[in-house]
PDB file of all heavy atoms in Angstrom:
ATOM      1  N   GLU A   1     -16.674  10.810  43.935  1.00  0.00           N
ATOM      2  CA  GLU A   1     -16.861  10.867  45.361  1.00  0.00           C
ATOM      3  C   GLU A   1     -16.839   9.594  46.158  1.00  0.00           C
ATOM      4  O   GLU A   1     -17.813   9.269  46.839  1.00  0.00           O
ATOM      5  CB  GLU A   1     -18.184  11.663  45.560  1.00  0.00           C
ATOM      6  CG  GLU A   1     -18.179  13.040  44.985  1.00  0.00           C
ATOM      7  CD  GLU A   1     -17.736  14.079  46.014  1.00  0.00           C
ATOM      8  OE1 GLU A   1     -17.916  13.948  47.182  1.00  0.00           O
ATOM      9  OE2 GLU A   1     -17.086  15.108  45.408  1.00  0.00           O
ATOM     10  N   LYS A   2     -15.812   8.793  45.929  1.00  0.00           N
ATOM     11  CA  LYS A   2     -15.856   7.553  46.479  1.00  0.00           C
ATOM     12  C   LYS A   2     -15.546   7.619  47.989  1.00  0.00           C
ATOM     13  O   LYS A   2     -14.866   8.582  48.441  1.00  0.00           O
ATOM     14  CB  LYS A   2     -14.700   6.632  45.872  1.00  0.00           C
ATOM     15  CG  LYS A   2     -14.974   6.291  44.423  1.00  0.00           C
ATOM     16  CD  LYS A   2     -13.893   5.333  43.916  1.00  0.00           C
ATOM     17  CE  LYS A   2     -14.218   4.860  42.535  1.00  0.00           C
ATOM     18  NZ  LYS A   2     -13.364   3.861  42.158  1.00  0.00           N
ATOM     19  N   ILE A   3     -16.205   6.617  48.707  1.00  0.00           N
ATOM     20  CA  ILE A   3     -15.863   6.636  50.217  1.00  0.00           C
ATOM     21  C   ILE A   3     -15.093   5.232  50.418  1.00  0.00           C
ATOM     22  O   ILE A   3     -15.531   4.239  50.081  1.00  0.00           O
ATOM     23  CB  ILE A   3     -17.274   6.484  50.987  1.00  0.00           C
ATOM     24  CG1 ILE A   3     -18.003   7.772  50.630  1.00  0.00           C
ATOM     25  CG2 ILE A   3     -16.941   6.343  52.496  1.00  0.00           C
ATOM     26  CD1 ILE A   3     -19.419   7.665  51.461  1.00  0.00           C
ATOM     27  N   TYR A   4     -13.912   5.507  50.918  1.00  0.00           N
ATOM     28  CA  TYR A   4     -12.940   4.368  50.971  1.00  0.00           C
ATOM     29  C   TYR A   4     -13.127   3.843  52.509  1.00  0.00           C
ATOM     30  O   TYR A   4     -13.279   4.701  53.405  1.00  0.00           O
ATOM     31  CB  TYR A   4     -11.464   4.729  50.802  1.00  0.00           C
ATOM     32  CG  TYR A   4     -11.294   5.073  49.390  1.00  0.00           C
ATOM     33  CD1 TYR A   4     -11.582   6.330  48.817  1.00  0.00           C
ATOM     34  CD2 TYR A   4     -10.883   4.066  48.513  1.00  0.00           C
ATOM     35  CE1 TYR A   4     -11.410   6.579  47.455  1.00  0.00           C
ATOM     36  CE2 TYR A   4     -10.655   4.340  47.118  1.00  0.00           C
ATOM     37  CZ  TYR A   4     -10.891   5.614  46.661  1.00  0.00           C
ATOM     38  OH  TYR A   4     -10.715   5.887  45.263  1.00  0.00           O
ATOM     39  N   THR A   5     -13.110   2.443  52.609  1.00  0.00           N
ATOM     40  CA  THR A   5     -13.309   1.926  53.932  1.00  0.00           C
ATOM     41  C   THR A   5     -12.206   0.875  54.362  1.00  0.00           C
ATOM     42  O   THR A   5     -12.070  -0.041  53.418  1.00  0.00           O
ATOM     43  CB  THR A   5     -14.754   1.246  54.010  1.00  0.00           C
ATOM     44  OG1 THR A   5     -15.687   2.263  53.630  1.00  0.00           O
ATOM     45  CG2 THR A   5     -14.966   0.792  55.457  1.00  0.00           C
ATOM     46  N   MET A   6     -11.709   0.981  55.470  1.00  0.00           N
ATOM     47  CA  MET A   6     -10.741  -0.064  55.928  1.00  0.00           C
ATOM     48  C   MET A   6     -11.494  -0.753  57.092  1.00  0.00           C
ATOM     49  O   MET A   6     -11.927  -0.199  58.009  1.00  0.00           O
ATOM     50  CB  MET A   6      -9.507   0.546  56.484  1.00  0.00           C
ATOM     51  CG  MET A   6      -8.593   1.101  55.558  1.00  0.00           C
ATOM     52  SD  MET A   6      -7.103   1.892  56.369  1.00  0.00           S
ATOM     53  CE  MET A   6      -6.234   0.524  56.909  1.00  0.00           C
ATOM     54  N   LEU A   7     -11.777  -2.102  56.684  1.00  0.00           N
ATOM     55  CA  LEU A   7     -12.483  -2.952  57.788  1.00  0.00           C
ATOM     56  C   LEU A   7     -11.565  -3.623  58.654  1.00  0.00           C
ATOM     57  O   LEU A   7     -10.570  -4.263  58.176  1.00  0.00           O
ATOM     58  CB  LEU A   7     -13.387  -3.934  57.152  1.00  0.00           C
ATOM     59  CG  LEU A   7     -14.498  -3.286  56.202  1.00  0.00           C
ATOM     60  CD1 LEU A   7     -15.174  -4.451  55.360  1.00  0.00           C
ATOM     61  CD2 LEU A   7     -15.608  -2.566  57.027  1.00  0.00           C
ATOM     62  N   TYR A   8     -11.836  -3.704  59.920  1.00  0.00           N
ATOM     63  CA  TYR A   8     -10.928  -4.399  60.911  1.00  0.00           C
ATOM     64  C   TYR A   8      -9.572  -3.969  60.901  1.00  0.00           C
ATOM     65  O   TYR A   8      -8.536  -4.701  60.966  1.00  0.00           O
ATOM     66  CB  TYR A   8     -11.014  -5.929  60.679  1.00  0.00           C
ATOM     67  CG  TYR A   8     -12.480  -6.421  60.812  1.00  0.00           C
ATOM     68  CD1 TYR A   8     -13.068  -7.035  59.674  1.00  0.00           C
ATOM     69  CD2 TYR A   8     -13.232  -6.277  62.005  1.00  0.00           C
ATOM     70  CE1 TYR A   8     -14.395  -7.428  59.722  1.00  0.00           C
ATOM     71  CE2 TYR A   8     -14.563  -6.655  61.941  1.00  0.00           C
ATOM     72  CZ  TYR A   8     -15.113  -7.263  60.905  1.00  0.00           C
ATOM     73  OH  TYR A   8     -16.414  -7.726  60.893  1.00  0.00           O
ATOM     74  N   ALA A   9      -9.297  -2.625  60.704  1.00  0.00           N
ATOM     75  CA  ALA A   9      -7.928  -2.059  60.807  1.00  0.00           C
ATOM     76  C   ALA A   9      -7.221  -2.334  61.950  1.00  0.00           C
ATOM     77  O   ALA A   9      -5.965  -2.376  62.008  1.00  0.00           O
ATOM     78  CB  ALA A   9      -8.056  -0.563  60.478  1.00  0.00           C
ATOM     79  N   ASP A  10      -7.876  -2.655  63.150  1.00  0.00           N
ATOM     80  CA  ASP A  10      -7.269  -2.919  64.474  1.00  0.00           C
ATOM     81  C   ASP A  10      -6.505  -4.328  64.258  1.00  0.00           C
ATOM     82  O   ASP A  10      -5.610  -4.597  65.136  1.00  0.00           O
ATOM     83  CB  ASP A  10      -8.256  -3.047  65.536  1.00  0.00           C
ATOM     84  CG  ASP A  10      -9.479  -4.021  65.137  1.00  0.00           C
ATOM     85  OD1 ASP A  10     -10.197  -3.623  64.260  1.00  0.00           O
ATOM     86  OD2 ASP A  10      -9.579  -4.978  65.690  1.00  0.00           O
ATOM     87  N   GLU A  11      -6.725  -5.089  63.217  1.00  0.00           N
ATOM     88  CA  GLU A  11      -5.982  -6.419  63.087  1.00  0.00           C
ATOM     89  C   GLU A  11      -4.780  -6.298  62.433  1.00  0.00           C
ATOM     90  O   GLU A  11      -3.910  -7.179  62.307  1.00  0.00           O
ATOM     91  CB  GLU A  11      -6.868  -7.387  62.352  1.00  0.00           C
ATOM     92  CG  GLU A  11      -8.105  -7.751  63.256  1.00  0.00           C
ATOM     93  CD  GLU A  11      -8.853  -9.081  62.894  1.00  0.00           C
ATOM     94  OE1 GLU A  11      -8.231  -9.822  62.101  1.00  0.00           O
ATOM     95  OE2 GLU A  11      -9.828  -9.360  63.308  1.00  0.00           O
ATOM     96  N   LEU A  12      -4.317  -5.107  61.924  1.00  0.00           N
ATOM     97  CA  LEU A  12      -3.056  -4.932  61.124  1.00  0.00           C
ATOM     98  C   LEU A  12      -1.983  -5.174  62.243  1.00  0.00           C
ATOM     99  O   LEU A  12      -2.088  -4.732  63.300  1.00  0.00           O
ATOM    100  CB  LEU A  12      -3.058  -3.584  60.512  1.00  0.00           C
ATOM    101  CG  LEU A  12      -3.976  -3.267  59.393  1.00  0.00           C
ATOM    102  CD1 LEU A  12      -3.827  -1.695  59.033  1.00  0.00           C
ATOM    103  CD2 LEU A  12      -3.656  -4.145  58.114  1.00  0.00           C
ATOM    104  N   SER A  13      -0.836  -5.632  61.690  1.00  0.00           N
ATOM    105  CA  SER A  13       0.220  -5.766  62.621  1.00  0.00           C
ATOM    106  C   SER A  13       0.871  -4.447  62.936  1.00  0.00           C
ATOM    107  O   SER A  13       0.553  -3.485  62.327  1.00  0.00           O
ATOM    108  CB  SER A  13       1.436  -6.643  61.812  1.00  0.00           C
ATOM    109  OG  SER A  13       1.961  -5.848  60.853  1.00  0.00           O
ATOM    110  N   TYR A  14       1.637  -4.426  63.977  1.00  0.00           N
ATOM    111  CA  TYR A  14       2.189  -3.224  64.449  1.00  0.00           C
ATOM    112  C   TYR A  14       3.025  -2.350  63.337  1.00  0.00           C
ATOM    113  O   TYR A  14       2.804  -1.236  63.181  1.00  0.00           O
ATOM    114  CB  TYR A  14       3.109  -3.497  65.658  1.00  0.00           C
ATOM    115  CG  TYR A  14       3.683  -2.139  66.306  1.00  0.00           C
ATOM    116  CD1 TYR A  14       2.887  -1.279  67.106  1.00  0.00           C
ATOM    117  CD2 TYR A  14       4.963  -1.837  66.085  1.00  0.00           C
ATOM    118  CE1 TYR A  14       3.431  -0.175  67.588  1.00  0.00           C
ATOM    119  CE2 TYR A  14       5.456  -0.615  66.651  1.00  0.00           C
ATOM    120  CZ  TYR A  14       4.747   0.239  67.303  1.00  0.00           C
ATOM    121  OH  TYR A  14       5.263   1.351  67.728  1.00  0.00           O
ATOM    122  N   ASP A  15       3.911  -3.165  62.631  1.00  0.00           N
ATOM    123  CA  ASP A  15       4.755  -2.600  61.679  1.00  0.00           C
ATOM    124  C   ASP A  15       3.859  -1.984  60.507  1.00  0.00           C
ATOM    125  O   ASP A  15       4.113  -0.847  60.067  1.00  0.00           O
ATOM    126  CB  ASP A  15       5.642  -3.659  61.105  1.00  0.00           C
ATOM    127  CG  ASP A  15       6.706  -4.082  62.150  1.00  0.00           C
ATOM    128  OD1 ASP A  15       6.995  -3.335  63.125  1.00  0.00           O
ATOM    129  OD2 ASP A  15       7.352  -5.132  61.921  1.00  0.00           O
ATOM    130  N   VAL A  16       2.959  -2.777  60.100  1.00  0.00           N
ATOM    131  CA  VAL A  16       2.133  -2.352  58.961  1.00  0.00           C
ATOM    132  C   VAL A  16       1.198  -1.150  59.416  1.00  0.00           C
ATOM    133  O   VAL A  16       1.039  -0.082  58.759  1.00  0.00           O
ATOM    134  CB  VAL A  16       1.169  -3.408  58.589  1.00  0.00           C
ATOM    135  CG1 VAL A  16       0.048  -2.965  57.557  1.00  0.00           C
ATOM    136  CG2 VAL A  16       1.874  -4.496  57.904  1.00  0.00           C
ATOM    137  N   SER A  17       0.778  -1.103  60.680  1.00  0.00           N
ATOM    138  CA  SER A  17      -0.032   0.047  61.172  1.00  0.00           C
ATOM    139  C   SER A  17       0.931   1.351  61.359  1.00  0.00           C
ATOM    140  O   SER A  17       0.414   2.421  60.889  1.00  0.00           O
ATOM    141  CB  SER A  17      -0.509  -0.263  62.568  1.00  0.00           C
ATOM    142  OG  SER A  17      -1.437  -1.443  62.617  1.00  0.00           O
ATOM    143  N   CYS A  18       2.125   1.099  61.709  1.00  0.00           N
ATOM    144  CA  CYS A  18       3.022   2.274  61.640  1.00  0.00           C
ATOM    145  C   CYS A  18       3.230   2.874  60.379  1.00  0.00           C
ATOM    146  O   CYS A  18       3.298   4.105  60.123  1.00  0.00           O
ATOM    147  CB  CYS A  18       4.416   1.952  62.397  1.00  0.00           C
ATOM    148  SG  CYS A  18       4.344   1.623  64.141  1.00  0.00           S
ATOM    149  N   ARG A  19       3.458   1.924  59.369  1.00  0.00           N
ATOM    150  CA  ARG A  19       3.808   2.558  58.060  1.00  0.00           C
ATOM    151  C   ARG A  19       2.479   3.198  57.454  1.00  0.00           C
ATOM    152  O   ARG A  19       2.637   4.136  56.807  1.00  0.00           O
ATOM    153  CB  ARG A  19       4.149   1.373  57.152  1.00  0.00           C
ATOM    154  CG  ARG A  19       5.612   0.941  57.571  1.00  0.00           C
ATOM    155  CD  ARG A  19       6.259  -0.156  56.700  1.00  0.00           C
ATOM    156  NE  ARG A  19       6.237   0.119  55.264  1.00  0.00           N
ATOM    157  CZ  ARG A  19       6.533  -0.792  54.359  1.00  0.00           C
ATOM    158  NH1 ARG A  19       6.904  -2.029  54.667  1.00  0.00           N
ATOM    159  NH2 ARG A  19       6.469  -0.487  53.034  1.00  0.00           N
ATOM    160  N   ALA A  20       1.258   2.564  57.828  1.00  0.00           N
ATOM    161  CA  ALA A  20       0.066   3.059  57.276  1.00  0.00           C
ATOM    162  C   ALA A  20      -0.079   4.535  57.976  1.00  0.00           C
ATOM    163  O   ALA A  20      -0.487   5.493  57.188  1.00  0.00           O
ATOM    164  CB  ALA A  20      -1.079   2.338  57.702  1.00  0.00           C
ATOM    165  N   GLU A  21       0.234   4.750  59.203  1.00  0.00           N
ATOM    166  CA  GLU A  21       0.037   6.030  59.761  1.00  0.00           C
ATOM    167  C   GLU A  21       0.965   6.968  59.139  1.00  0.00           C
ATOM    168  O   GLU A  21       0.671   8.223  58.814  1.00  0.00           O
ATOM    169  CB  GLU A  21       0.369   6.066  61.262  1.00  0.00           C
ATOM    170  CG  GLU A  21       0.241   7.296  61.964  1.00  0.00           C
ATOM    171  CD  GLU A  21       0.983   7.502  63.296  1.00  0.00           C
ATOM    172  OE1 GLU A  21       1.614   6.536  63.721  1.00  0.00           O
ATOM    173  OE2 GLU A  21       0.794   8.620  63.768  1.00  0.00           O
ATOM    174  N   GLU A  22       2.254   6.597  58.952  1.00  0.00           N
ATOM    175  CA  GLU A  22       3.237   7.555  58.327  1.00  0.00           C
ATOM    176  C   GLU A  22       2.852   7.953  56.922  1.00  0.00           C
ATOM    177  O   GLU A  22       2.897   9.195  56.545  1.00  0.00           O
ATOM    178  CB  GLU A  22       4.619   6.896  58.212  1.00  0.00           C
ATOM    179  CG  GLU A  22       5.252   6.631  59.549  1.00  0.00           C
ATOM    180  CD  GLU A  22       6.457   5.643  59.442  1.00  0.00           C
ATOM    181  OE1 GLU A  22       6.868   5.360  58.232  1.00  0.00           O
ATOM    182  OE2 GLU A  22       6.986   5.242  60.567  1.00  0.00           O
ATOM    183  N   LEU A  23       2.318   7.092  56.243  1.00  0.00           N
ATOM    184  CA  LEU A  23       1.851   7.414  54.873  1.00  0.00           C
ATOM    185  C   LEU A  23       0.497   8.293  54.894  1.00  0.00           C
ATOM    186  O   LEU A  23       0.386   9.267  54.097  1.00  0.00           O
ATOM    187  CB  LEU A  23       1.477   6.178  54.031  1.00  0.00           C
ATOM    188  CG  LEU A  23       1.086   6.364  52.557  1.00  0.00           C
ATOM    189  CD1 LEU A  23       2.211   6.935  51.759  1.00  0.00           C
ATOM    190  CD2 LEU A  23       0.613   5.054  51.976  1.00  0.00           C
ATOM    191  N   PHE A  24      -0.393   7.990  55.764  1.00  0.00           N
ATOM    192  CA  PHE A  24      -1.551   8.825  55.924  1.00  0.00           C
ATOM    193  C   PHE A  24      -1.066  10.270  56.300  1.00  0.00           C
ATOM    194  O   PHE A  24      -1.639  11.255  55.761  1.00  0.00           O
ATOM    195  CB  PHE A  24      -2.445   8.099  57.085  1.00  0.00           C
ATOM    196  CG  PHE A  24      -3.623   9.093  57.211  1.00  0.00           C
ATOM    197  CD1 PHE A  24      -4.667   9.001  56.520  1.00  0.00           C
ATOM    198  CD2 PHE A  24      -3.678  10.046  58.345  1.00  0.00           C
ATOM    199  CE1 PHE A  24      -5.859   9.813  56.738  1.00  0.00           C
ATOM    200  CE2 PHE A  24      -4.713  10.837  58.566  1.00  0.00           C
ATOM    201  CZ  PHE A  24      -5.776  10.696  57.705  1.00  0.00           C
ATOM    202  N   GLN A  25      -0.176  10.484  57.309  1.00  0.00           N
ATOM    203  CA  GLN A  25       0.277  11.730  57.613  1.00  0.00           C
ATOM    204  C   GLN A  25       0.899  12.432  56.453  1.00  0.00           C
ATOM    205  O   GLN A  25       0.660  13.777  56.240  1.00  0.00           O
ATOM    206  CB  GLN A  25       1.236  11.672  58.763  1.00  0.00           C
ATOM    207  CG  GLN A  25       0.768  11.195  59.994  1.00  0.00           C
ATOM    208  CD  GLN A  25      -0.414  11.938  60.596  1.00  0.00           C
ATOM    209  OE1 GLN A  25      -0.574  13.077  60.389  1.00  0.00           O
ATOM    210  NE2 GLN A  25      -1.233  11.267  61.400  1.00  0.00           N
ATOM    211  N   ARG A  26       1.749  11.765  55.573  1.00  0.00           N
ATOM    212  CA  ARG A  26       2.315  12.453  54.409  1.00  0.00           C
ATOM    213  C   ARG A  26       1.314  12.828  53.309  1.00  0.00           C
ATOM    214  O   ARG A  26       1.353  13.862  52.713  1.00  0.00           O
ATOM    215  CB  ARG A  26       3.298  11.537  53.737  1.00  0.00           C
ATOM    216  CG  ARG A  26       4.604  11.431  54.496  1.00  0.00           C
ATOM    217  CD  ARG A  26       5.765  10.894  53.782  1.00  0.00           C
ATOM    218  NE  ARG A  26       5.466   9.731  52.838  1.00  0.00           N
ATOM    219  CZ  ARG A  26       5.546   8.416  53.125  1.00  0.00           C
ATOM    220  NH1 ARG A  26       6.106   8.198  54.151  1.00  0.00           N
ATOM    221  NH2 ARG A  26       5.238   7.537  52.252  1.00  0.00           N
ATOM    222  N   LEU A  27       0.228  11.913  53.075  1.00  0.00           N
ATOM    223  CA  LEU A  27      -0.653  12.118  52.017  1.00  0.00           C
ATOM    224  C   LEU A  27      -1.921  12.959  52.217  1.00  0.00           C
ATOM    225  O   LEU A  27      -2.489  13.435  51.416  1.00  0.00           O
ATOM    226  CB  LEU A  27      -1.003  10.729  51.362  1.00  0.00           C
ATOM    227  CG  LEU A  27      -0.022   9.864  50.672  1.00  0.00           C
ATOM    228  CD1 LEU A  27      -0.437   8.682  50.113  1.00  0.00           C
ATOM    229  CD2 LEU A  27       0.740  10.685  49.523  1.00  0.00           C
ATOM    230  N   GLN A  28      -2.360  12.943  53.464  1.00  0.00           N
ATOM    231  CA  GLN A  28      -3.575  13.619  53.960  1.00  0.00           C
ATOM    232  C   GLN A  28      -3.595  15.006  53.343  1.00  0.00           C
ATOM    233  O   GLN A  28      -4.732  15.639  53.033  1.00  0.00           O
ATOM    234  CB  GLN A  28      -3.993  13.449  55.284  1.00  0.00           C
ATOM    235  CG  GLN A  28      -3.151  14.369  56.153  1.00  0.00           C
ATOM    236  CD  GLN A  28      -3.710  14.348  57.597  1.00  0.00           C
ATOM    237  OE1 GLN A  28      -4.834  13.930  57.858  1.00  0.00           O
ATOM    238  NE2 GLN A  28      -3.074  14.837  58.534  1.00  0.00           N
ATOM    239  N   HIS A  29      -2.452  15.708  53.314  1.00  0.00           N
ATOM    240  CA  HIS A  29      -2.413  17.021  52.907  1.00  0.00           C
ATOM    241  C   HIS A  29      -2.483  17.259  51.465  1.00  0.00           C
ATOM    242  O   HIS A  29      -2.812  18.418  50.999  1.00  0.00           O
ATOM    243  CB  HIS A  29      -1.127  17.766  53.285  1.00  0.00           C
ATOM    244  CG  HIS A  29      -0.917  17.560  54.834  1.00  0.00           C
ATOM    245  ND1 HIS A  29      -1.759  18.237  55.756  1.00  0.00           N
ATOM    246  CD2 HIS A  29      -0.069  16.871  55.618  1.00  0.00           C
ATOM    247  CE1 HIS A  29      -1.454  17.893  57.022  1.00  0.00           C
ATOM    248  NE2 HIS A  29      -0.335  16.990  56.985  1.00  0.00           N
ATOM    249  N   CYS A  30      -2.359  16.162  50.651  1.00  0.00           N
ATOM    250  CA  CYS A  30      -2.506  16.244  49.225  1.00  0.00           C
ATOM    251  C   CYS A  30      -3.912  16.338  48.588  1.00  0.00           C
ATOM    252  O   CYS A  30      -4.198  16.885  47.651  1.00  0.00           O
ATOM    253  CB  CYS A  30      -1.867  14.952  48.516  1.00  0.00           C
ATOM    254  SG  CYS A  30      -0.200  14.774  48.847  1.00  0.00           S
ATOM    255  N   ASN A  31      -4.764  15.935  49.641  1.00  0.00           N
ATOM    256  CA  ASN A  31      -6.244  15.880  49.185  1.00  0.00           C
ATOM    257  C   ASN A  31      -7.131  16.294  50.259  1.00  0.00           C
ATOM    258  O   ASN A  31      -7.266  15.484  51.203  1.00  0.00           O
ATOM    259  CB  ASN A  31      -6.648  14.434  48.598  1.00  0.00           C
ATOM    260  CG  ASN A  31      -8.052  14.396  48.161  1.00  0.00           C
ATOM    261  OD1 ASN A  31      -8.746  15.343  48.142  1.00  0.00           O
ATOM    262  ND2 ASN A  31      -8.381  13.100  47.682  1.00  0.00           N
ATOM    263  N   SER A  32      -7.704  17.369  50.242  1.00  0.00           N
ATOM    264  CA  SER A  32      -8.545  17.841  51.451  1.00  0.00           C
ATOM    265  C   SER A  32      -9.910  17.339  51.462  1.00  0.00           C
ATOM    266  O   SER A  32     -10.659  17.532  52.314  1.00  0.00           O
ATOM    267  CB  SER A  32      -8.556  19.443  51.542  1.00  0.00           C
ATOM    268  OG  SER A  32      -9.068  19.924  50.244  1.00  0.00           O
ATOM    269  N   THR A  33     -10.266  16.694  50.237  1.00  0.00           N
ATOM    270  CA  THR A  33     -11.571  16.155  50.157  1.00  0.00           C
ATOM    271  C   THR A  33     -11.779  14.667  50.299  1.00  0.00           C
ATOM    272  O   THR A  33     -12.808  13.998  49.826  1.00  0.00           O
ATOM    273  CB  THR A  33     -12.307  16.656  48.830  1.00  0.00           C
ATOM    274  OG1 THR A  33     -11.479  16.028  47.806  1.00  0.00           O
ATOM    275  CG2 THR A  33     -12.291  18.160  48.740  1.00  0.00           C
ATOM    276  N   TYR A  34     -10.768  13.978  50.698  1.00  0.00           N
ATOM    277  CA  TYR A  34     -10.755  12.523  50.827  1.00  0.00           C
ATOM    278  C   TYR A  34     -11.864  12.147  51.792  1.00  0.00           C
ATOM    279  O   TYR A  34     -12.181  12.821  52.723  1.00  0.00           O
ATOM    280  CB  TYR A  34      -9.364  11.948  51.377  1.00  0.00           C
ATOM    281  CG  TYR A  34      -9.098  12.225  52.682  1.00  0.00           C
ATOM    282  CD1 TYR A  34      -9.385  11.349  53.816  1.00  0.00           C
ATOM    283  CD2 TYR A  34      -8.319  13.377  53.086  1.00  0.00           C
ATOM    284  CE1 TYR A  34      -9.101  11.677  55.068  1.00  0.00           C
ATOM    285  CE2 TYR A  34      -7.977  13.671  54.403  1.00  0.00           C
ATOM    286  CZ  TYR A  34      -8.431  12.834  55.473  1.00  0.00           C
ATOM    287  OH  TYR A  34      -8.151  13.103  56.646  1.00  0.00           O
TER     288      TYR A  34
END
């Protein structure tokens, strides 16, 4: 039951942020208990 934490995610570059969002959208359906 780990709790994952991204600190200062607002500092990510625009490109990295976009890729992170895309991956999140793809993977969030794989695990409903994240």
